[in-house]
């Protein structure tokens, strides 16, 4: 098991992420630190990194180094992007960082940066095609991919910081500044010929700090119950109402907006102007925010080197396996419960009539049904529900995560807590409650049929006969414990499916 530090030095901020590598192709973030260094500020004048900005960066990187040493980090991967890439004094800056901080910075090319952003997205989202818009401090990247391969990318040499600098001295109001930025970027987009060839069904994925702040602001406005930025779907109409509010205010008033980082208040209008211009140009009605980008691209490449050649084929499965390992679950038991639960789902489809898409919900719940043990044995199903709602589960929508959390939370004689369920009324429906209860019963039976954790029940064959369901078990040894425990679910089974349960 190894700890690595990943430093991402951008034009606006510097970030350190400390990552624990499990040594078997999985990883987990253990700590993170972000500082606003504004390295790219005022570069538009002469192309040089300014002494004050360099000094602030040196101070920050020394702090990052100390934190790495305190956490037992064995290896540091440090990359720099647009500001350093374009700086005329790049060489002297890199030498100073090496000498002062003991950190060797690798300057990413435009292609390297776009590729890492893409890898962060494709290995964390179940979207085989998409259009990525990544807004940085010193550049804006547009990446188009289909069939899980990059088709085209473009890097525009303007980001939230550089645009704010470029348009700040025009003597006009903040609203007029954003209108100028919109016009400016519209002309930039027109120069990218391949944008006209983008599949209109390709979803837009927003990446970067500005998009994360957008989510935080909109979450407060909507009172959105799930505190998960990754895979949050944003209606363009909702975005525009936030954009109109932000660009009307001066910097001091923007700093008081809930959800907006004060350190980003001065550059946020420029970032949102880019989003507005792009969504108008591409006629986009909604977009999804991705919580993973360049840093996650580095992480996945370190954990699974094969992703340099091709992305992970099963994003959800990989994510669930990571969490199973992280929470110390019995992997063999988890795998068997997933197997048995899926068998039950398929064989009882004549009763529940759920489409195949709900298998994903059941898989998440079955994979993580035991993770609550990490908190406490008693009421562990409630802890599992909380963990699922608050873990980074990649490859699943917010609705699927909420449904899975409640399935896991009610799989042990527990009914769905009405007050907790009501909190998620903007994500799930009243009809979904029936889904949760039925899947919860299937999960309970699947878990009981591996009560000893020895895998003695190899398979199940279900017959629906009149008012009963006959489950015939395929066993390798004595399964008295498993069958008796599963039969305890008979009352819940009849309530959910209106059938008596017999297990042989």
Foldseek 3Di string as FASTA:
>chain_A
DAWEWEWEAEQFKIKIWIKDFPQQLFIDTDDMDMDGLNQQAPCVPPQARDPSSLVSVLVVLLVSLVVCVVVVHDYYAYEYEQSLVRHPCNVVSQVCSCVRRVDHYHYDDPVRQQVLQLQQVLLFAPAQWAWEWEATQQWIKIWTGHNQGTDDMDIGRHHLNRLLNVQVPPPDALVVSLVVLLVVVLVVVVVPVCLVVGDLPHAYEYEDDLLQLLCQLVCVVVVAPFPDQAFDKFFVVSLVVVLVVLSNDDLVVQCPRGSHPNSCSSRNNSNSSNVVSVCVVSVPGMHGYHHTGNVSSVVSCVSPVCVVVGHDPDSQVSQLVNLCVVLVHDQLLLVQLLVALVQCCVQCCVQVVDDPVCNLLLNSLSSQLQSLVSVPPVLSLLSSLVCLSPDSRGHDHNLSSNLSSLLSNPLPVRQRDPVVVVSNCVRDPPVSSLVSLQSSLSSNLSSLQCVVVPCQFVYWHWDDDVQAIEIETDGDDDRPRSQVSNQVSQVSNCVNRVHGYHYD
